[in-house]
C-alpha atoms as a PDB file:
ATOM      1  CA  MET A   1     -27.050  -2.546 -17.358  1.00  0.00           C
ATOM      2  CA  ASP A   2     -24.441  -5.308 -17.134  1.00  0.00           C
ATOM      3  CA  ASP A   3     -22.317  -6.071 -14.070  1.00  0.00           C
ATOM      4  CA  ALA A   4     -19.152  -4.393 -15.362  1.00  0.00           C
ATOM      5  CA  THR A   5     -20.978  -1.130 -16.092  1.00  0.00           C
ATOM      6  CA  PHE A   6     -22.661  -1.140 -12.695  1.00  0.00           C
ATOM      7  CA  LEU A   7     -19.393  -1.879 -10.898  1.00  0.00           C
ATOM      8  CA  SER A   8     -17.502   0.778 -12.834  1.00  0.00           C
ATOM      9  CA  ARG A   9     -20.158   3.361 -11.932  1.00  0.00           C
ATOM     10  CA  MET A  10     -19.863   2.359  -8.285  1.00  0.00           C
ATOM     11  CA  VAL A  11     -16.062   2.482  -8.342  1.00  0.00           C
ATOM     12  CA  VAL A  12     -15.478   5.610 -10.459  1.00  0.00           C
ATOM     13  CA  LYS A  13     -17.391   8.401  -8.742  1.00  0.00           C
ATOM     14  CA  HIS A  14     -16.752  12.097  -9.020  1.00  0.00           C
ATOM     15  CA  ASN A  15     -14.420  11.390 -11.948  1.00  0.00           C
ATOM     16  CA  LEU A  16     -11.847   9.860  -9.577  1.00  0.00           C
ATOM     17  CA  HIS A  17      -9.912   6.902 -10.846  1.00  0.00           C
ATOM     18  CA  TRP A  18      -9.830   4.765  -7.732  1.00  0.00           C
ATOM     19  CA  HIS A  19      -7.549   2.112  -9.172  1.00  0.00           C
ATOM     20  CA  VAL A  20      -4.838   4.653  -9.878  1.00  0.00           C
ATOM     21  CA  ILE A  21      -5.182   6.017  -6.345  1.00  0.00           C
ATOM     22  CA  LEU A  22      -5.328   2.627  -4.595  1.00  0.00           C
ATOM     23  CA  THR A  23      -2.515   0.979  -6.537  1.00  0.00           C
ATOM     24  CA  HIS A  24       0.170   2.962  -4.715  1.00  0.00           C
ATOM     25  CA  PHE A  25      -0.750   1.575  -1.288  1.00  0.00           C
ATOM     26  CA  PRO A  26       0.142  -2.099  -1.874  1.00  0.00           C
ATOM     27  CA  ILE A  27       3.368  -1.053  -3.596  1.00  0.00           C
ATOM     28  CA  SER A  28       4.422   1.073  -0.631  1.00  0.00           C
ATOM     29  CA  PHE A  29       3.387  -1.526   1.954  1.00  0.00           C
ATOM     30  CA  PHE A  30       5.217  -4.358   0.142  1.00  0.00           C
ATOM     31  CA  THR A  31       8.299  -2.156  -0.241  1.00  0.00           C
ATOM     32  CA  ALA A  32       8.257  -1.318   3.464  1.00  0.00           C
ATOM     33  CA  SER A  33       7.666  -4.958   4.445  1.00  0.00           C
ATOM     34  CA  ALA A  34      10.624  -6.137   2.346  1.00  0.00           C
ATOM     35  CA  GLY A  35      12.796  -3.398   3.850  1.00  0.00           C
ATOM     36  CA  PHE A  36      11.812  -4.261   7.409  1.00  0.00           C
ATOM     37  CA  MET A  37      12.387  -7.954   6.752  1.00  0.00           C
ATOM     38  CA  MET A  38      15.872  -7.283   5.376  1.00  0.00           C
ATOM     39  CA  LEU A  39      16.635  -5.184   8.460  1.00  0.00           C
ATOM     40  CA  HIS A  40      15.452  -8.050  10.646  1.00  0.00           C
ATOM     41  CA  LEU A  41      17.553 -10.616   8.792  1.00  0.00           C
ATOM     42  CA  PHE A  42      20.713  -8.533   9.169  1.00  0.00           C
ATOM     43  CA  THR A  43      20.178  -7.168  12.678  1.00  0.00           C
ATOM     44  CA  ASN A  44      18.064  -9.887  14.345  1.00  0.00           C
ATOM     45  CA  VAL A  45      15.900  -7.190  15.961  1.00  0.00           C
ATOM     46  CA  GLU A  46      12.475  -8.679  16.550  1.00  0.00           C
ATOM     47  CA  CYS A  47      10.477  -5.458  16.107  1.00  0.00           C
ATOM     48  CA  TYR A  48      11.592  -5.273  12.455  1.00  0.00           C
ATOM     49  CA  GLU A  49      10.055  -8.669  11.794  1.00  0.00           C
ATOM     50  CA  LEU A  50       6.796  -7.577  13.416  1.00  0.00           C
ATOM     51  CA  SER A  51       6.822  -4.386  11.344  1.00  0.00           C
ATOM     52  CA  ALA A  52       7.376  -6.449   8.184  1.00  0.00           C
ATOM     53  CA  TYR A  53       4.454  -8.691   9.116  1.00  0.00           C
ATOM     54  CA  LEU A  54       2.104  -5.757   9.807  1.00  0.00           C
ATOM     55  CA  CYS A  55       3.076  -4.088   6.521  1.00  0.00           C
ATOM     56  CA  LEU A  56       2.416  -7.418   4.794  1.00  0.00           C
ATOM     57  CA  LEU A  57      -1.077  -7.543   6.317  1.00  0.00           C
ATOM     58  CA  ALA A  58      -1.774  -3.963   5.250  1.00  0.00           C
ATOM     59  CA  GLY A  59      -0.433  -4.668   1.759  1.00  0.00           C
ATOM     60  CA  ILE A  60      -2.661  -7.701   1.274  1.00  0.00           C
ATOM     61  CA  LEU A  61      -5.695  -5.842   2.633  1.00  0.00           C
ATOM     62  CA  MET A  62      -5.052  -3.029   0.146  1.00  0.00           C
ATOM     63  CA  THR A  63      -4.347  -5.436  -2.722  1.00  0.00           C
ATOM     64  CA  LEU A  64      -7.910  -6.751  -2.641  1.00  0.00           C
ATOM     65  CA  PRO A  65      -9.705  -3.433  -3.402  1.00  0.00           C
ATOM     66  CA  THR A  66      -6.919  -2.547  -5.819  1.00  0.00           C
ATOM     67  CA  ALA A  67      -7.508  -5.766  -7.756  1.00  0.00           C
ATOM     68  CA  ILE A  68     -11.273  -5.182  -7.768  1.00  0.00           C
ATOM     69  CA  THR A  69     -10.931  -1.614  -9.060  1.00  0.00           C
ATOM     70  CA  GLY A  70      -8.353  -2.807 -11.602  1.00  0.00           C
ATOM     71  CA  TRP A  71     -10.763  -5.431 -12.882  1.00  0.00           C
ATOM     72  CA  SER A  72     -13.537  -2.846 -13.074  1.00  0.00           C
ATOM     73  CA  THR A  73     -11.332  -0.386 -14.947  1.00  0.00           C
ATOM     74  CA  TRP A  74     -10.186  -3.130 -17.310  1.00  0.00           C
ATOM     75  CA  LYS A  75     -13.785  -4.080 -18.073  1.00  0.00           C
ATOM     76  CA  SER A  76     -15.109  -0.533 -18.475  1.00  0.00           C
ATOM     77  CA  LYS A  77     -12.234   1.528 -19.895  1.00  0.00           C
ATOM     78  CA  TYR A  78     -10.455  -1.194 -21.876  1.00  0.00           C
ATOM     79  CA  THR A  79     -13.575  -3.318 -22.614  1.00  0.00           C
ATOM     80  CA  GLY A  80     -11.904  -6.417 -21.166  1.00  0.00           C
ATOM     81  CA  ALA A  81      -9.238  -6.521 -23.878  1.00  0.00           C
ATOM     82  CA  ARG A  82      -7.256  -9.758 -23.576  1.00  0.00           C
ATOM     83  CA  THR A  83      -3.848  -8.409 -24.450  1.00  0.00           C
ATOM     84  CA  LYS A  84      -0.552  -9.573 -22.951  1.00  0.00           C
ATOM     85  CA  ILE A  85      -0.187  -6.594 -20.654  1.00  0.00           C
ATOM     86  CA  PHE A  86      -3.591  -7.136 -19.012  1.00  0.00           C
ATOM     87  CA  LEU A  87      -3.145 -10.892 -18.744  1.00  0.00           C
ATOM     88  CA  TYR A  88       0.250 -10.361 -17.069  1.00  0.00           C
ATOM     89  CA  LYS A  89      -1.265  -7.913 -14.595  1.00  0.00           C
ATOM     90  CA  ILE A  90      -4.155 -10.245 -13.780  1.00  0.00           C
ATOM     91  CA  LYS A  91      -1.870 -13.240 -13.241  1.00  0.00           C
ATOM     92  CA  ILE A  92       0.565 -11.238 -11.133  1.00  0.00           C
ATOM     93  CA  SER A  93      -2.225  -9.909  -8.917  1.00  0.00           C
ATOM     94  CA  TYR A  94      -3.588 -13.416  -8.341  1.00  0.00           C
ATOM     95  CA  LEU A  95      -0.096 -14.626  -7.441  1.00  0.00           C
ATOM     96  CA  MET A  96       0.431 -11.688  -5.093  1.00  0.00           C
ATOM     97  CA  ILE A  97      -2.806 -12.349  -3.235  1.00  0.00           C
ATOM     98  CA  ALA A  98      -2.067 -16.078  -2.953  1.00  0.00           C
ATOM     99  CA  LEU A  99       1.553 -15.560  -1.882  1.00  0.00           C
ATOM    100  CA  GLY A 100       0.553 -12.891   0.632  1.00  0.00           C
ATOM    101  CA  ILE A 101      -2.033 -15.149   2.242  1.00  0.00           C
ATOM    102  CA  LEU A 102       0.470 -18.027   2.343  1.00  0.00           C
ATOM    103  CA  LEU A 103       3.070 -15.792   3.991  1.00  0.00           C
ATOM    104  CA  ILE A 104       0.565 -14.630   6.594  1.00  0.00           C
ATOM    105  CA  LEU A 105      -0.365 -18.240   7.392  1.00  0.00           C
ATOM    106  CA  PHE A 106       3.295 -19.287   7.341  1.00  0.00           C
ATOM    107  CA  ARG A 107       4.289 -16.550   9.777  1.00  0.00           C
ATOM    108  CA  THR A 108       1.334 -17.239  12.040  1.00  0.00           C
ATOM    109  CA  TYR A 109       2.026 -20.964  12.384  1.00  0.00           C
ATOM    110  CA  PHE A 110       5.735 -21.532  11.689  1.00  0.00           C
ATOM    111  CA  VAL A 111       7.856 -18.414  12.248  1.00  0.00           C
ATOM    112  CA  LYS A 112       8.250 -17.637  15.920  1.00  0.00           C
ATOM    113  CA  GLY A 113      10.460 -15.259  17.874  1.00  0.00           C
ATOM    114  CA  GLU A 114      13.860 -16.910  17.525  1.00  0.00           C
ATOM    115  CA  HIS A 115      15.914 -16.243  14.426  1.00  0.00           C
ATOM    116  CA  THR A 116      15.921 -19.438  12.322  1.00  0.00           C
ATOM    117  CA  ILE A 117      16.319 -20.496   8.720  1.00  0.00           C
ATOM    118  CA  TRP A 118      12.552 -19.995   8.329  1.00  0.00           C
ATOM    119  CA  HIS A 119      13.067 -16.259   8.584  1.00  0.00           C
ATOM    120  CA  PHE A 120      15.104 -16.402   5.386  1.00  0.00           C
ATOM    121  CA  VAL A 121      12.329 -18.353   3.622  1.00  0.00           C
ATOM    122  CA  PHE A 122       9.864 -15.790   4.934  1.00  0.00           C
ATOM    123  CA  GLY A 123      12.170 -12.983   3.751  1.00  0.00           C
ATOM    124  CA  PHE A 124      12.360 -14.487   0.267  1.00  0.00           C
ATOM    125  CA  GLY A 125       8.550 -14.330   0.099  1.00  0.00           C
ATOM    126  CA  PHE A 126       8.690 -10.646   1.012  1.00  0.00           C
ATOM    127  CA  LEU A 127      11.181 -10.019  -1.786  1.00  0.00           C
ATOM    128  CA  ALA A 128       8.951 -11.912  -4.211  1.00  0.00           C
ATOM    129  CA  LEU A 129       5.968  -9.719  -3.268  1.00  0.00           C
ATOM    130  CA  PHE A 130       8.103  -6.605  -3.600  1.00  0.00           C
ATOM    131  CA  SER A 131       9.256  -7.734  -7.065  1.00  0.00           C
ATOM    132  CA  ALA A 132       5.691  -8.567  -8.123  1.00  0.00           C
ATOM    133  CA  SER A 133       4.454  -5.150  -7.011  1.00  0.00           C
ATOM    134  CA  MET A 134       7.228  -3.510  -9.034  1.00  0.00           C
ATOM    135  CA  MET A 135       6.188  -5.562 -12.079  1.00  0.00           C
ATOM    136  CA  GLU A 136       2.569  -4.502 -11.601  1.00  0.00           C
ATOM    137  CA  GLY A 137       3.689  -0.890 -11.428  1.00  0.00           C
ATOM    138  CA  TYR A 138       5.821  -1.272 -14.527  1.00  0.00           C
ATOM    139  CA  TYR A 139       2.997  -2.747 -16.604  1.00  0.00           C
ATOM    140  CA  GLY A 140       0.500  -0.211 -15.250  1.00  0.00           C
ATOM    141  CA  GLY A 141       2.875   2.586 -16.136  1.00  0.00           C
ATOM    142  CA  ARG A 142       3.195   1.215 -19.665  1.00  0.00           C
ATOM    143  CA  LEU A 143      -0.580   1.583 -20.022  1.00  0.00           C
ATOM    144  CA  ASN A 144      -0.628   5.217 -19.000  1.00  0.00           C
ATOM    145  CA  HIS A 145       2.826   6.484 -19.960  1.00  0.00           C
ATOM    146  CA  ARG A 146       3.669   4.759 -23.217  1.00  0.00           C
END
């Protein structure tokens, strides 16, 4: 039994498609984080920025198992087909994970309580993650809902 078959058997139990279930969590967390960040930028209320940061952390934590189950599904159900749609989804997920980790580090070390220009840079990163999650959803929907 090869690694992809073993992983797919571990991931898909009881005929549940874990990737389809898990994929909605990062999308919702990145949407909420972008919304909270926009509220913070326009109102300068500090709790919105903290909420955006916590949603970002939750989104990145949920992106990791989502990417793993996506890889497993790609290998088992689609036999690792190297078509444009899968390559786009793989590249976007790598970029999302990298950008999310950079934003977490950026917020931890550079963005502090006072409202500065860095909050707008931070906010742009949130919008980029939100856009990337929408692209992932679009391409995933094209696979299932031609």
